[in-house]
mmCIF file of all heavy atoms, coordinates in Angstrom:
data_MODEL
# 
_entry.id   MODEL 
# 
loop_
_atom_site.group_PDB 
_atom_site.id 
_atom_site.type_symbol 
_atom_site.label_atom_id 
_atom_site.label_alt_id 
_atom_site.label_comp_id 
_atom_site.label_asym_id 
_atom_site.label_entity_id 
_atom_site.label_seq_id 
_atom_site.pdbx_PDB_ins_code 
_atom_site.Cartn_x 
_atom_site.Cartn_y 
_atom_site.Cartn_z 
_atom_site.occupancy 
_atom_site.B_iso_or_equiv 
_atom_site.pdbx_formal_charge 
_atom_site.auth_seq_id 
_atom_site.auth_comp_id 
_atom_site.auth_asym_id 
_atom_site.auth_atom_id 
_atom_site.pdbx_PDB_model_num 
ATOM 1   N N   . SER A 1 1  ? 0.845   -1.191 0.000   1.00 0.00 ? 1  SER A N   1 
ATOM 2   C CA  . SER A 1 1  ? 0.000   0.000  0.000   1.00 0.00 ? 1  SER A CA  1 
ATOM 3   C C   . SER A 1 1  ? 0.882   1.242  0.000   1.00 0.00 ? 1  SER A C   1 
ATOM 4   O O   . SER A 1 1  ? 2.092   1.158  0.203   1.00 0.00 ? 1  SER A O   1 
ATOM 5   C CB  . SER A 1 1  ? -0.939  0.001  1.214   1.00 0.00 ? 1  SER A CB  1 
ATOM 6   O OG  . SER A 1 1  ? -0.191  -0.101 2.419   1.00 0.00 ? 1  SER A OG  1 
ATOM 7   N N   . GLY A 1 2  ? 0.237   2.407  -0.216  1.00 0.00 ? 2  GLY A N   1 
ATOM 8   C CA  . GLY A 1 2  ? 1.023   3.625  -0.273  1.00 0.00 ? 2  GLY A CA  1 
ATOM 9   C C   . GLY A 1 2  ? 0.183   4.863  -0.008  1.00 0.00 ? 2  GLY A C   1 
ATOM 10  O O   . GLY A 1 2  ? -1.046  4.847  -0.136  1.00 0.00 ? 2  GLY A O   1 
ATOM 11  N N   . SER A 1 3  ? 0.858   5.942  0.380   1.00 0.00 ? 3  SER A N   1 
ATOM 12  C CA  . SER A 1 3  ? 0.231   7.247  0.587   1.00 0.00 ? 3  SER A CA  1 
ATOM 13  C C   . SER A 1 3  ? 0.710   8.159  -0.522  1.00 0.00 ? 3  SER A C   1 
ATOM 14  O O   . SER A 1 3  ? 1.920   8.346  -0.705  1.00 0.00 ? 3  SER A O   1 
ATOM 15  C CB  . SER A 1 3  ? 0.635   7.824  1.947   1.00 0.00 ? 3  SER A CB  1 
ATOM 16  O OG  . SER A 1 3  ? 0.210   6.995  3.005   1.00 0.00 ? 3  SER A OG  1 
ATOM 17  N N   . VAL A 1 4  ? -0.242  8.749  -1.265  1.00 0.00 ? 4  VAL A N   1 
ATOM 18  C CA  . VAL A 1 4  ? 0.144   9.469  -2.473  1.00 0.00 ? 4  VAL A CA  1 
ATOM 19  C C   . VAL A 1 4  ? -0.716  10.709 -2.658  1.00 0.00 ? 4  VAL A C   1 
ATOM 20  O O   . VAL A 1 4  ? -1.858  10.785 -2.174  1.00 0.00 ? 4  VAL A O   1 
ATOM 21  C CB  . VAL A 1 4  ? 0.025   8.531  -3.701  1.00 0.00 ? 4  VAL A CB  1 
ATOM 22  C CG1 . VAL A 1 4  ? -1.420  8.211  -4.002  1.00 0.00 ? 4  VAL A CG1 1 
ATOM 23  C CG2 . VAL A 1 4  ? 0.714   9.112  -4.921  1.00 0.00 ? 4  VAL A CG2 1 
ATOM 24  N N   . ASP A 1 5  ? -0.178  11.667 -3.370  1.00 0.00 ? 5  ASP A N   1 
ATOM 25  C CA  . ASP A 1 5  ? -0.892  12.880 -3.750  1.00 0.00 ? 5  ASP A CA  1 
ATOM 26  C C   . ASP A 1 5  ? -2.004  12.517 -4.732  1.00 0.00 ? 5  ASP A C   1 
ATOM 27  O O   . ASP A 1 5  ? -1.753  11.945 -5.791  1.00 0.00 ? 5  ASP A O   1 
ATOM 28  C CB  . ASP A 1 5  ? 0.116   13.833 -4.407  1.00 0.00 ? 5  ASP A CB  1 
ATOM 29  C CG  . ASP A 1 5  ? -0.455  15.188 -4.754  1.00 0.00 ? 5  ASP A CG  1 
ATOM 30  O OD1 . ASP A 1 5  ? -1.564  15.254 -5.306  1.00 0.00 ? 5  ASP A OD1 1 
ATOM 31  O OD2 . ASP A 1 5  ? 0.233   16.200 -4.500  1.00 0.00 ? 5  ASP A OD2 1 
ATOM 32  N N   . GLY A 1 6  ? -3.246  12.848 -4.380  1.00 0.00 ? 6  GLY A N   1 
ATOM 33  C CA  . GLY A 1 6  ? -4.373  12.505 -5.243  1.00 0.00 ? 6  GLY A CA  1 
ATOM 34  C C   . GLY A 1 6  ? -4.312  13.176 -6.596  1.00 0.00 ? 6  GLY A C   1 
ATOM 35  O O   . GLY A 1 6  ? -4.734  12.601 -7.612  1.00 0.00 ? 6  GLY A O   1 
ATOM 36  N N   . TYR A 1 7  ? -3.783  14.390 -6.634  1.00 0.00 ? 7  TYR A N   1 
ATOM 37  C CA  . TYR A 1 7  ? -3.614  15.107 -7.902  1.00 0.00 ? 7  TYR A CA  1 
ATOM 38  C C   . TYR A 1 7  ? -2.688  14.335 -8.829  1.00 0.00 ? 7  TYR A C   1 
ATOM 39  O O   . TYR A 1 7  ? -2.983  14.143 -10.016 1.00 0.00 ? 7  TYR A O   1 
ATOM 40  C CB  . TYR A 1 7  ? -3.080  16.511 -7.607  1.00 0.00 ? 7  TYR A CB  1 
ATOM 41  C CG  . TYR A 1 7  ? -2.261  17.143 -8.702  1.00 0.00 ? 7  TYR A CG  1 
ATOM 42  C CD1 . TYR A 1 7  ? -2.858  17.609 -9.883  1.00 0.00 ? 7  TYR A CD1 1 
ATOM 43  C CD2 . TYR A 1 7  ? -0.883  17.315 -8.555  1.00 0.00 ? 7  TYR A CD2 1 
ATOM 44  C CE1 . TYR A 1 7  ? -2.099  18.211 -10.873 1.00 0.00 ? 7  TYR A CE1 1 
ATOM 45  C CE2 . TYR A 1 7  ? -0.127  17.917 -9.545  1.00 0.00 ? 7  TYR A CE2 1 
ATOM 46  C CZ  . TYR A 1 7  ? -0.736  18.364 -10.698 1.00 0.00 ? 7  TYR A CZ  1 
ATOM 47  O OH  . TYR A 1 7  ? 0.029   18.953 -11.682 1.00 0.00 ? 7  TYR A OH  1 
ATOM 48  N N   . VAL A 1 8  ? -1.570  13.872 -8.300  1.00 0.00 ? 8  VAL A N   1 
ATOM 49  C CA  . VAL A 1 8  ? -0.614  13.127 -9.120  1.00 0.00 ? 8  VAL A CA  1 
ATOM 50  C C   . VAL A 1 8  ? -1.238  11.821 -9.598  1.00 0.00 ? 8  VAL A C   1 
ATOM 51  O O   . VAL A 1 8  ? -1.101  11.450 -10.769 1.00 0.00 ? 8  VAL A O   1 
ATOM 52  C CB  . VAL A 1 8  ? 0.688   12.850 -8.330  1.00 0.00 ? 8  VAL A CB  1 
ATOM 53  C CG1 . VAL A 1 8  ? 1.615   11.943 -9.138  1.00 0.00 ? 8  VAL A CG1 1 
ATOM 54  C CG2 . VAL A 1 8  ? 1.404   14.158 -7.987  1.00 0.00 ? 8  VAL A CG2 1 
ATOM 55  N N   . TRP A 1 9  ? -1.954  11.122 -8.712  1.00 0.00 ? 9  TRP A N   1 
ATOM 56  C CA  . TRP A 1 9  ? -2.586  9.862  -9.103  1.00 0.00 ? 9  TRP A CA  1 
ATOM 57  C C   . TRP A 1 9  ? -3.598  10.089 -10.219 1.00 0.00 ? 9  TRP A C   1 
ATOM 58  O O   . TRP A 1 9  ? -3.639  9.331  -11.199 1.00 0.00 ? 9  TRP A O   1 
ATOM 59  C CB  . TRP A 1 9  ? -3.270  9.237  -7.883  1.00 0.00 ? 9  TRP A CB  1 
ATOM 60  C CG  . TRP A 1 9  ? -3.746  7.814  -8.071  1.00 0.00 ? 9  TRP A CG  1 
ATOM 61  C CD1 . TRP A 1 9  ? -3.042  6.675  -7.809  1.00 0.00 ? 9  TRP A CD1 1 
ATOM 62  C CD2 . TRP A 1 9  ? -5.029  7.392  -8.558  1.00 0.00 ? 9  TRP A CD2 1 
ATOM 63  N NE1 . TRP A 1 9  ? -3.804  5.563  -8.102  1.00 0.00 ? 9  TRP A NE1 1 
ATOM 64  C CE2 . TRP A 1 9  ? -5.034  5.969  -8.560  1.00 0.00 ? 9  TRP A CE2 1 
ATOM 65  C CE3 . TRP A 1 9  ? -6.176  8.063  -8.989  1.00 0.00 ? 9  TRP A CE3 1 
ATOM 66  C CZ2 . TRP A 1 9  ? -6.131  5.221  -8.978  1.00 0.00 ? 9  TRP A CZ2 1 
ATOM 67  C CZ3 . TRP A 1 9  ? -7.279  7.319  -9.411  1.00 0.00 ? 9  TRP A CZ3 1 
ATOM 68  C CH2 . TRP A 1 9  ? -7.248  5.915  -9.402  1.00 0.00 ? 9  TRP A CH2 1 
ATOM 69  N N   . GLU A 1 10 ? -4.400  11.142 -10.110 1.00 0.00 ? 10 GLU A N   1 
ATOM 70  C CA  . GLU A 1 10 ? -5.419  11.429 -11.119 1.00 0.00 ? 10 GLU A CA  1 
ATOM 71  C C   . GLU A 1 10 ? -4.802  11.847 -12.451 1.00 0.00 ? 10 GLU A C   1 
ATOM 72  O O   . GLU A 1 10 ? -5.290  11.447 -13.525 1.00 0.00 ? 10 GLU A O   1 
ATOM 73  C CB  . GLU A 1 10 ? -6.371  12.519 -10.612 1.00 0.00 ? 10 GLU A CB  1 
ATOM 74  C CG  . GLU A 1 10 ? -7.207  12.130 -9.404  1.00 0.00 ? 10 GLU A CG  1 
ATOM 75  C CD  . GLU A 1 10 ? -8.274  11.083 -9.725  1.00 0.00 ? 10 GLU A CD  1 
ATOM 76  O OE1 . GLU A 1 10 ? -8.482  10.764 -10.903 1.00 0.00 ? 10 GLU A OE1 1 
ATOM 77  O OE2 . GLU A 1 10 ? -8.907  10.572 -8.759  1.00 0.00 ? 10 GLU A OE2 1 
ATOM 78  N N   . VAL A 1 11 ? -3.734  12.630 -12.399 1.00 0.00 ? 11 VAL A N   1 
ATOM 79  C CA  . VAL A 1 11 ? -3.069  13.043 -13.641 1.00 0.00 ? 11 VAL A CA  1 
ATOM 80  C C   . VAL A 1 11 ? -2.436  11.835 -14.319 1.00 0.00 ? 11 VAL A C   1 
ATOM 81  O O   . VAL A 1 11 ? -2.552  11.652 -15.537 1.00 0.00 ? 11 VAL A O   1 
ATOM 82  C CB  . VAL A 1 11 ? -2.005  14.129 -13.374 1.00 0.00 ? 11 VAL A CB  1 
ATOM 83  C CG1 . VAL A 1 11 ? -1.172  14.382 -14.631 1.00 0.00 ? 11 VAL A CG1 1 
ATOM 84  C CG2 . VAL A 1 11 ? -2.677  15.430 -12.930 1.00 0.00 ? 11 VAL A CG2 1 
ATOM 85  N N   . LEU A 1 12 ? -1.781  10.981 -13.546 1.00 0.00 ? 12 LEU A N   1 
ATOM 86  C CA  . LEU A 1 12 ? -1.156  9.792  -14.125 1.00 0.00 ? 12 LEU A CA  1 
ATOM 87  C C   . LEU A 1 12 ? -2.205  8.791  -14.620 1.00 0.00 ? 12 LEU A C   1 
ATOM 88  O O   . LEU A 1 12 ? -1.941  8.021  -15.546 1.00 0.00 ? 12 LEU A O   1 
ATOM 89  C CB  . LEU A 1 12 ? -0.242  9.119  -13.099 1.00 0.00 ? 12 LEU A CB  1 
ATOM 90  C CG  . LEU A 1 12 ? 1.089   9.828  -12.850 1.00 0.00 ? 12 LEU A CG  1 
ATOM 91  C CD1 . LEU A 1 12 ? 1.864   9.132  -11.736 1.00 0.00 ? 12 LEU A CD1 1 
ATOM 92  C CD2 . LEU A 1 12 ? 1.925   9.878  -14.115 1.00 0.00 ? 12 LEU A CD2 1 
ATOM 93  N N   . LYS A 1 13 ? -3.373  8.811  -14.025 1.00 0.00 ? 13 LYS A N   1 
ATOM 94  C CA  . LYS A 1 13 ? -4.458  7.970  -14.521 1.00 0.00 ? 13 LYS A CA  1 
ATOM 95  C C   . LYS A 1 13 ? -4.791  8.333  -15.958 1.00 0.00 ? 13 LYS A C   1 
ATOM 96  O O   . LYS A 1 13 ? -5.172  7.479  -16.775 1.00 0.00 ? 13 LYS A O   1 
ATOM 97  C CB  . LYS A 1 13 ? -5.693  8.152  -13.634 1.00 0.00 ? 13 LYS A CB  1 
ATOM 98  C CG  . LYS A 1 13 ? -6.874  7.269  -13.995 1.00 0.00 ? 13 LYS A CG  1 
ATOM 99  C CD  . LYS A 1 13 ? -8.047  7.522  -13.051 1.00 0.00 ? 13 LYS A CD  1 
ATOM 100 C CE  . LYS A 1 13 ? -9.246  6.678  -13.421 1.00 0.00 ? 13 LYS A CE  1 
ATOM 101 N NZ  . LYS A 1 13 ? -10.406 6.949  -12.512 1.00 0.00 ? 13 LYS A NZ  1 
ATOM 102 N N   . GLU A 1 14 ? -4.602  9.607  -16.289 1.00 0.00 ? 14 GLU A N   1 
ATOM 103 C CA  . GLU A 1 14 ? -4.853  10.084 -17.647 1.00 0.00 ? 14 GLU A CA  1 
ATOM 104 C C   . GLU A 1 14 ? -3.645  9.895  -18.553 1.00 0.00 ? 14 GLU A C   1 
ATOM 105 O O   . GLU A 1 14 ? -3.786  9.484  -19.706 1.00 0.00 ? 14 GLU A O   1 
ATOM 106 C CB  . GLU A 1 14 ? -5.224  11.571 -17.593 1.00 0.00 ? 14 GLU A CB  1 
ATOM 107 C CG  . GLU A 1 14 ? -5.448  12.210 -18.953 1.00 0.00 ? 14 GLU A CG  1 
ATOM 108 C CD  . GLU A 1 14 ? -5.712  13.703 -18.850 1.00 0.00 ? 14 GLU A CD  1 
ATOM 109 O OE1 . GLU A 1 14 ? -5.983  14.197 -17.742 1.00 0.00 ? 14 GLU A OE1 1 
ATOM 110 O OE2 . GLU A 1 14 ? -5.636  14.380 -19.897 1.00 0.00 ? 14 GLU A OE2 1 
ATOM 111 N N   . THR A 1 15 ? -2.453  10.181 -18.029 1.00 0.00 ? 15 THR A N   1 
ATOM 112 C CA  . THR A 1 15 ? -1.257  10.173 -18.871 1.00 0.00 ? 15 THR A CA  1 
ATOM 113 C C   . THR A 1 15 ? -0.518  8.837  -18.888 1.00 0.00 ? 15 THR A C   1 
ATOM 114 O O   . THR A 1 15 ? 0.217   8.550  -19.819 1.00 0.00 ? 15 THR A O   1 
ATOM 115 C CB  . THR A 1 15 ? -0.278  11.271 -18.421 1.00 0.00 ? 15 THR A CB  1 
ATOM 116 O OG1 . THR A 1 15 ? 0.150   11.005 -17.060 1.00 0.00 ? 15 THR A OG1 1 
ATOM 117 C CG2 . THR A 1 15 ? -0.929  12.647 -18.476 1.00 0.00 ? 15 THR A CG2 1 
ATOM 118 N N   . ASP A 1 16 ? -0.688  8.028  -17.853 1.00 0.00 ? 16 ASP A N   1 
ATOM 119 C CA  . ASP A 1 16 ? -0.024  6.721  -17.779 1.00 0.00 ? 16 ASP A CA  1 
ATOM 120 C C   . ASP A 1 16 ? -1.015  5.695  -17.225 1.00 0.00 ? 16 ASP A C   1 
ATOM 121 O O   . ASP A 1 16 ? -0.811  5.143  -16.137 1.00 0.00 ? 16 ASP A O   1 
ATOM 122 C CB  . ASP A 1 16 ? 1.219   6.817  -16.886 1.00 0.00 ? 16 ASP A CB  1 
ATOM 123 C CG  . ASP A 1 16 ? 2.141   5.614  -17.036 1.00 0.00 ? 16 ASP A CG  1 
ATOM 124 O OD1 . ASP A 1 16 ? 1.747   4.640  -17.719 1.00 0.00 ? 16 ASP A OD1 1 
ATOM 125 O OD2 . ASP A 1 16 ? 3.250   5.647  -16.469 1.00 0.00 ? 16 ASP A OD2 1 
ATOM 126 N N   . PRO A 1 17 ? -2.099  5.447  -17.959 1.00 0.00 ? 17 PRO A N   1 
ATOM 127 C CA  . PRO A 1 17 ? -3.174  4.585  -17.449 1.00 0.00 ? 17 PRO A CA  1 
ATOM 128 C C   . PRO A 1 17 ? -2.733  3.150  -17.167 1.00 0.00 ? 17 PRO A C   1 
ATOM 129 O O   . PRO A 1 17 ? -3.288  2.508  -16.272 1.00 0.00 ? 17 PRO A O   1 
ATOM 130 C CB  . PRO A 1 17 ? -4.227  4.643  -18.557 1.00 0.00 ? 17 PRO A CB  1 
ATOM 131 C CG  . PRO A 1 17 ? -3.476  5.037  -19.797 1.00 0.00 ? 17 PRO A CG  1 
ATOM 132 C CD  . PRO A 1 17 ? -2.398  5.960  -19.311 1.00 0.00 ? 17 PRO A CD  1 
ATOM 133 N N   . ASP A 1 18 ? -1.772  2.641  -17.916 1.00 0.00 ? 18 ASP A N   1 
ATOM 134 C CA  . ASP A 1 18 ? -1.324  1.265  -17.682 1.00 0.00 ? 18 ASP A CA  1 
ATOM 135 C C   . ASP A 1 18 ? -0.733  1.118  -16.282 1.00 0.00 ? 18 ASP A C   1 
ATOM 136 O O   . ASP A 1 18 ? -0.939  0.087  -15.619 1.00 0.00 ? 18 ASP A O   1 
ATOM 137 C CB  . ASP A 1 18 ? -0.274  0.867  -18.730 1.00 0.00 ? 18 ASP A CB  1 
ATOM 138 C CG  . ASP A 1 18 ? -0.884  0.676  -20.106 1.00 0.00 ? 18 ASP A CG  1 
ATOM 139 O OD1 . ASP A 1 18 ? -2.115  0.509  -20.187 1.00 0.00 ? 18 ASP A OD1 1 
ATOM 140 O OD2 . ASP A 1 18 ? -0.131  0.699  -21.105 1.00 0.00 ? 18 ASP A OD2 1 
ATOM 141 N N   . LEU A 1 19 ? 0.019   2.133  -15.847 1.00 0.00 ? 19 LEU A N   1 
ATOM 142 C CA  . LEU A 1 19 ? 0.603   2.097  -14.509 1.00 0.00 ? 19 LEU A CA  1 
ATOM 143 C C   . LEU A 1 19 ? -0.475  2.214  -13.431 1.00 0.00 ? 19 LEU A C   1 
ATOM 144 O O   . LEU A 1 19 ? -0.564  1.374  -12.529 1.00 0.00 ? 19 LEU A O   1 
ATOM 145 C CB  . LEU A 1 19 ? 1.611   3.240  -14.342 1.00 0.00 ? 19 LEU A CB  1 
ATOM 146 C CG  . LEU A 1 19 ? 2.167   3.443  -12.932 1.00 0.00 ? 19 LEU A CG  1 
ATOM 147 C CD1 . LEU A 1 19 ? 3.008   2.252  -12.504 1.00 0.00 ? 19 LEU A CD1 1 
ATOM 148 C CD2 . LEU A 1 19 ? 2.981   4.737  -12.847 1.00 0.00 ? 19 LEU A CD2 1 
ATOM 149 N N   . VAL A 1 20 ? -1.302  3.228  -13.533 1.00 0.00 ? 20 VAL A N   1 
ATOM 150 C CA  . VAL A 1 20 ? -2.283  3.517  -12.490 1.00 0.00 ? 20 VAL A CA  1 
ATOM 151 C C   . VAL A 1 20 ? -3.354  2.435  -12.411 1.00 0.00 ? 20 VAL A C   1 
ATOM 152 O O   . VAL A 1 20 ? -3.901  2.168  -11.331 1.00 0.00 ? 20 VAL A O   1 
ATOM 153 C CB  . VAL A 1 20 ? -2.917  4.907  -12.721 1.00 0.00 ? 20 VAL A CB  1 
ATOM 154 C CG1 . VAL A 1 20 ? -4.028  5.179  -11.708 1.00 0.00 ? 20 VAL A CG1 1 
ATOM 155 C CG2 . VAL A 1 20 ? -1.847  5.987  -12.613 1.00 0.00 ? 20 VAL A CG2 1 
ATOM 156 N N   . SER A 1 21 ? -3.661  1.778  -13.524 1.00 0.00 ? 21 SER A N   1 
ATOM 157 C CA  . SER A 1 21 ? -4.687  0.724  -13.516 1.00 0.00 ? 21 SER A CA  1 
ATOM 158 C C   . SER A 1 21 ? -4.303  -0.460 -12.641 1.00 0.00 ? 21 SER A C   1 
ATOM 159 O O   . SER A 1 21 ? -5.159  -1.266 -12.266 1.00 0.00 ? 21 SER A O   1 
ATOM 160 C CB  . SER A 1 21 ? -4.958  0.241  -14.942 1.00 0.00 ? 21 SER A CB  1 
ATOM 161 O OG  . SER A 1 21 ? -3.817  -0.428 -15.476 1.00 0.00 ? 21 SER A OG  1 
ATOM 162 N N   . LYS A 1 22 ? -3.035  -0.555 -12.286 1.00 0.00 ? 22 LYS A N   1 
ATOM 163 C CA  . LYS A 1 22 ? -2.573  -1.638 -11.411 1.00 0.00 ? 22 LYS A CA  1 
ATOM 164 C C   . LYS A 1 22 ? -2.781  -1.295 -9.937  1.00 0.00 ? 22 LYS A C   1 
ATOM 165 O O   . LYS A 1 22 ? -2.428  -2.077 -9.054  1.00 0.00 ? 22 LYS A O   1 
ATOM 166 C CB  . LYS A 1 22 ? -1.099  -1.942 -11.681 1.00 0.00 ? 22 LYS A CB  1 
ATOM 167 C CG  . LYS A 1 22 ? -0.812  -2.482 -13.078 1.00 0.00 ? 22 LYS A CG  1 
ATOM 168 C CD  . LYS A 1 22 ? 0.671   -2.767 -13.251 1.00 0.00 ? 22 LYS A CD  1 
ATOM 169 C CE  . LYS A 1 22 ? 0.980   -3.399 -14.604 1.00 0.00 ? 22 LYS A CE  1 
ATOM 170 N NZ  . LYS A 1 22 ? 0.726   -2.466 -15.726 1.00 0.00 ? 22 LYS A NZ  1 
ATOM 171 N N   . THR A 1 23 ? -3.314  -0.102 -9.675  1.00 0.00 ? 23 THR A N   1 
ATOM 172 C CA  . THR A 1 23 ? -3.582  0.327  -8.298  1.00 0.00 ? 23 THR A CA  1 
ATOM 173 C C   . THR A 1 23 ? -5.045  0.741  -8.166  1.00 0.00 ? 23 THR A C   1 
ATOM 174 O O   . THR A 1 23 ? -5.741  0.934  -9.157  1.00 0.00 ? 23 THR A O   1 
ATOM 175 C CB  . THR A 1 23 ? -2.682  1.518  -7.912  1.00 0.00 ? 23 THR A CB  1 
ATOM 176 O OG1 . THR A 1 23 ? -3.120  2.704  -8.599  1.00 0.00 ? 23 THR A OG1 1 
ATOM 177 C CG2 . THR A 1 23 ? -1.231  1.252  -8.253  1.00 0.00 ? 23 THR A CG2 1 
ATOM 178 N N   . LYS A 1 24 ? -5.472  0.881  -6.911  1.00 0.00 ? 24 LYS A N   1 
ATOM 179 C CA  . LYS A 1 24 ? -6.819  1.397  -6.661  1.00 0.00 ? 24 LYS A CA  1 
ATOM 180 C C   . LYS A 1 24 ? -6.781  2.264  -5.404  1.00 0.00 ? 24 LYS A C   1 
ATOM 181 O O   . LYS A 1 24 ? -5.899  2.122  -4.543  1.00 0.00 ? 24 LYS A O   1 
ATOM 182 C CB  . LYS A 1 24 ? -7.827  0.267  -6.495  1.00 0.00 ? 24 LYS A CB  1 
ATOM 183 C CG  . LYS A 1 24 ? -7.689  -0.533 -5.215  1.00 0.00 ? 24 LYS A CG  1 
ATOM 184 C CD  . LYS A 1 24 ? -8.812  -1.570 -5.116  1.00 0.00 ? 24 LYS A CD  1 
ATOM 185 C CE  . LYS A 1 24 ? -8.741  -2.348 -3.809  1.00 0.00 ? 24 LYS A CE  1 
ATOM 186 N NZ  . LYS A 1 24 ? -9.833  -3.348 -3.706  1.00 0.00 ? 24 LYS A NZ  1 
ATOM 187 N N   . VAL A 1 25 ? -7.759  3.164  -5.301  1.00 0.00 ? 25 VAL A N   1 
ATOM 188 C CA  . VAL A 1 25 ? -7.840  4.057  -4.151  1.00 0.00 ? 25 VAL A CA  1 
ATOM 189 C C   . VAL A 1 25 ? -8.659  3.382  -3.047  1.00 0.00 ? 25 VAL A C   1 
ATOM 190 O O   . VAL A 1 25 ? -9.811  2.995  -3.256  1.00 0.00 ? 25 VAL A O   1 
ATOM 191 C CB  . VAL A 1 25 ? -8.496  5.403  -4.536  1.00 0.00 ? 25 VAL A CB  1 
ATOM 192 C CG1 . VAL A 1 25 ? -8.637  6.290  -3.305  1.00 0.00 ? 25 VAL A CG1 1 
ATOM 193 C CG2 . VAL A 1 25 ? -7.676  6.095  -5.617  1.00 0.00 ? 25 VAL A CG2 1 
ATOM 194 N N   . VAL A 1 26 ? -8.046  3.243  -1.894  1.00 0.00 ? 26 VAL A N   1 
ATOM 195 C CA  . VAL A 1 26 ? -8.723  2.663  -0.731  1.00 0.00 ? 26 VAL A CA  1 
ATOM 196 C C   . VAL A 1 26 ? -9.432  3.751  0.068   1.00 0.00 ? 26 VAL A C   1 
ATOM 197 O O   . VAL A 1 26 ? -10.537 3.544  0.581   1.00 0.00 ? 26 VAL A O   1 
ATOM 198 C CB  . VAL A 1 26 ? -7.703  1.935  0.178   1.00 0.00 ? 26 VAL A CB  1 
ATOM 199 C CG1 . VAL A 1 26 ? -8.390  1.397  1.442   1.00 0.00 ? 26 VAL A CG1 1 
ATOM 200 C CG2 . VAL A 1 26 ? -7.011  0.808  -0.580  1.00 0.00 ? 26 VAL A CG2 1 
ATOM 201 N N   . ARG A 1 27 ? -8.815  4.920  0.140   1.00 0.00 ? 27 ARG A N   1 
ATOM 202 C CA  . ARG A 1 27 ? -9.407  6.029  0.898   1.00 0.00 ? 27 ARG A CA  1 
ATOM 203 C C   . ARG A 1 27 ? -8.936  7.359  0.338   1.00 0.00 ? 27 ARG A C   1 
ATOM 204 O O   . ARG A 1 27 ? -7.771  7.529  -0.009  1.00 0.00 ? 27 ARG A O   1 
ATOM 205 C CB  . ARG A 1 27 ? -9.010  5.944  2.366   1.00 0.00 ? 27 ARG A CB  1 
ATOM 206 C CG  . ARG A 1 27 ? -9.573  7.081  3.233   1.00 0.00 ? 27 ARG A CG  1 
ATOM 207 C CD  . ARG A 1 27 ? -9.028  7.037  4.642   1.00 0.00 ? 27 ARG A CD  1 
ATOM 208 N NE  . ARG A 1 27 ? -9.626  8.068  5.488   1.00 0.00 ? 27 ARG A NE  1 
ATOM 209 C CZ  . ARG A 1 27 ? -9.159  9.318  5.592   1.00 0.00 ? 27 ARG A CZ  1 
ATOM 210 N NH1 . ARG A 1 27 ? -8.097  9.684  4.890   1.00 0.00 ? 27 ARG A NH1 1 
ATOM 211 N NH2 . ARG A 1 27 ? -9.751  10.191 6.393   1.00 0.00 ? 27 ARG A NH2 1 
ATOM 212 N N   . LYS A 1 28 ? -9.866  8.298  0.254   1.00 0.00 ? 28 LYS A N   1 
ATOM 213 C CA  . LYS A 1 28 ? -9.539  9.678  -0.090  1.00 0.00 ? 28 LYS A CA  1 
ATOM 214 C C   . LYS A 1 28 ? -9.702  10.542 1.158   1.00 0.00 ? 28 LYS A C   1 
ATOM 215 O O   . LYS A 1 28 ? -10.684 10.405 1.888   1.00 0.00 ? 28 LYS A O   1 
ATOM 216 C CB  . LYS A 1 28 ? -10.471 10.199 -1.192  1.00 0.00 ? 28 LYS A CB  1 
ATOM 217 C CG  . LYS A 1 28 ? -10.318 9.483  -2.524  1.00 0.00 ? 28 LYS A CG  1 
ATOM 218 C CD  . LYS A 1 28 ? -11.242 10.102 -3.579  1.00 0.00 ? 28 LYS A CD  1 
ATOM 219 C CE  . LYS A 1 28 ? -11.093 9.388  -4.920  1.00 0.00 ? 28 LYS A CE  1 
ATOM 220 N NZ  . LYS A 1 28 ? -11.977 9.992  -5.966  1.00 0.00 ? 28 LYS A NZ  1 
ATOM 221 N N   . SER A 1 29 ? -8.751  11.423 1.369   1.00 0.00 ? 29 SER A N   1 
ATOM 222 C CA  . SER A 1 29 ? -8.804  12.286 2.544   1.00 0.00 ? 29 SER A CA  1 
ATOM 223 C C   . SER A 1 29 ? -9.757  13.455 2.333   1.00 0.00 ? 29 SER A C   1 
ATOM 224 O O   . SER A 1 29 ? -10.348 13.621 1.257   1.00 0.00 ? 29 SER A O   1 
ATOM 225 C CB  . SER A 1 29 ? -7.404  12.838 2.844   1.00 0.00 ? 29 SER A CB  1 
ATOM 226 O OG  . SER A 1 29 ? -7.072  13.851 1.892   1.00 0.00 ? 29 SER A OG  1 
ATOM 227 N N   . GLU A 1 30 ? -9.878  14.293 3.346   1.00 0.00 ? 30 GLU A N   1 
ATOM 228 C CA  . GLU A 1 30 ? -10.556 15.570 3.190   1.00 0.00 ? 30 GLU A CA  1 
ATOM 229 C C   . GLU A 1 30 ? -9.710  16.455 2.265   1.00 0.00 ? 30 GLU A C   1 
ATOM 230 O O   . GLU A 1 30 ? -8.581  16.112 1.922   1.00 0.00 ? 30 GLU A O   1 
ATOM 231 C CB  . GLU A 1 30 ? -10.751 16.250 4.554   1.00 0.00 ? 30 GLU A CB  1 
ATOM 232 C CG  . GLU A 1 30 ? -9.469  16.645 5.265   1.00 0.00 ? 30 GLU A CG  1 
ATOM 233 C CD  . GLU A 1 30 ? -8.872  15.560 6.139   1.00 0.00 ? 30 GLU A CD  1 
ATOM 234 O OE1 . GLU A 1 30 ? -8.947  14.361 5.780   1.00 0.00 ? 30 GLU A OE1 1 
ATOM 235 O OE2 . GLU A 1 30 ? -8.301  15.917 7.180   1.00 0.00 ? 30 GLU A OE2 1 
ATOM 236 N N   . TRP A 1 31 ? -10.240 17.601 1.897   1.00 0.00 ? 31 TRP A N   1 
ATOM 237 C CA  . TRP A 1 31 ? -9.528  18.491 0.990   1.00 0.00 ? 31 TRP A CA  1 
ATOM 238 C C   . TRP A 1 31 ? -8.539  19.365 1.752   1.00 0.00 ? 31 TRP A C   1 
ATOM 239 O O   . TRP A 1 31 ? -8.830  19.850 2.844   1.00 0.00 ? 31 TRP A O   1 
ATOM 240 C CB  . TRP A 1 31 ? -10.518 19.379 0.233   1.00 0.00 ? 31 TRP A CB  1 
ATOM 241 C CG  . TRP A 1 31 ? -11.400 18.606 -0.702  1.00 0.00 ? 31 TRP A CG  1 
ATOM 242 C CD1 . TRP A 1 31 ? -12.653 18.122 -0.446  1.00 0.00 ? 31 TRP A CD1 1 
ATOM 243 C CD2 . TRP A 1 31 ? -11.075 18.198 -2.039  1.00 0.00 ? 31 TRP A CD2 1 
ATOM 244 N NE1 . TRP A 1 31 ? -13.141 17.440 -1.535  1.00 0.00 ? 31 TRP A NE1 1 
ATOM 245 C CE2 . TRP A 1 31 ? -12.202 17.465 -2.535  1.00 0.00 ? 31 TRP A CE2 1 
ATOM 246 C CE3 . TRP A 1 31 ? -9.973  18.386 -2.871  1.00 0.00 ? 31 TRP A CE3 1 
ATOM 247 C CZ2 . TRP A 1 31 ? -12.242 16.929 -3.817  1.00 0.00 ? 31 TRP A CZ2 1 
ATOM 248 C CZ3 . TRP A 1 31 ? -10.009 17.839 -4.144  1.00 0.00 ? 31 TRP A CZ3 1 
ATOM 249 C CH2 . TRP A 1 31 ? -11.116 17.128 -4.601  1.00 0.00 ? 31 TRP A CH2 1 
# 
């Protein structure tokens, strides 16, 4: 598991979908 910047994860979901598709979000924090 890992703790990551949601902005970076969302951008990479668009630009590097093959990488991000191997992960999933377990929890999103408050803003």
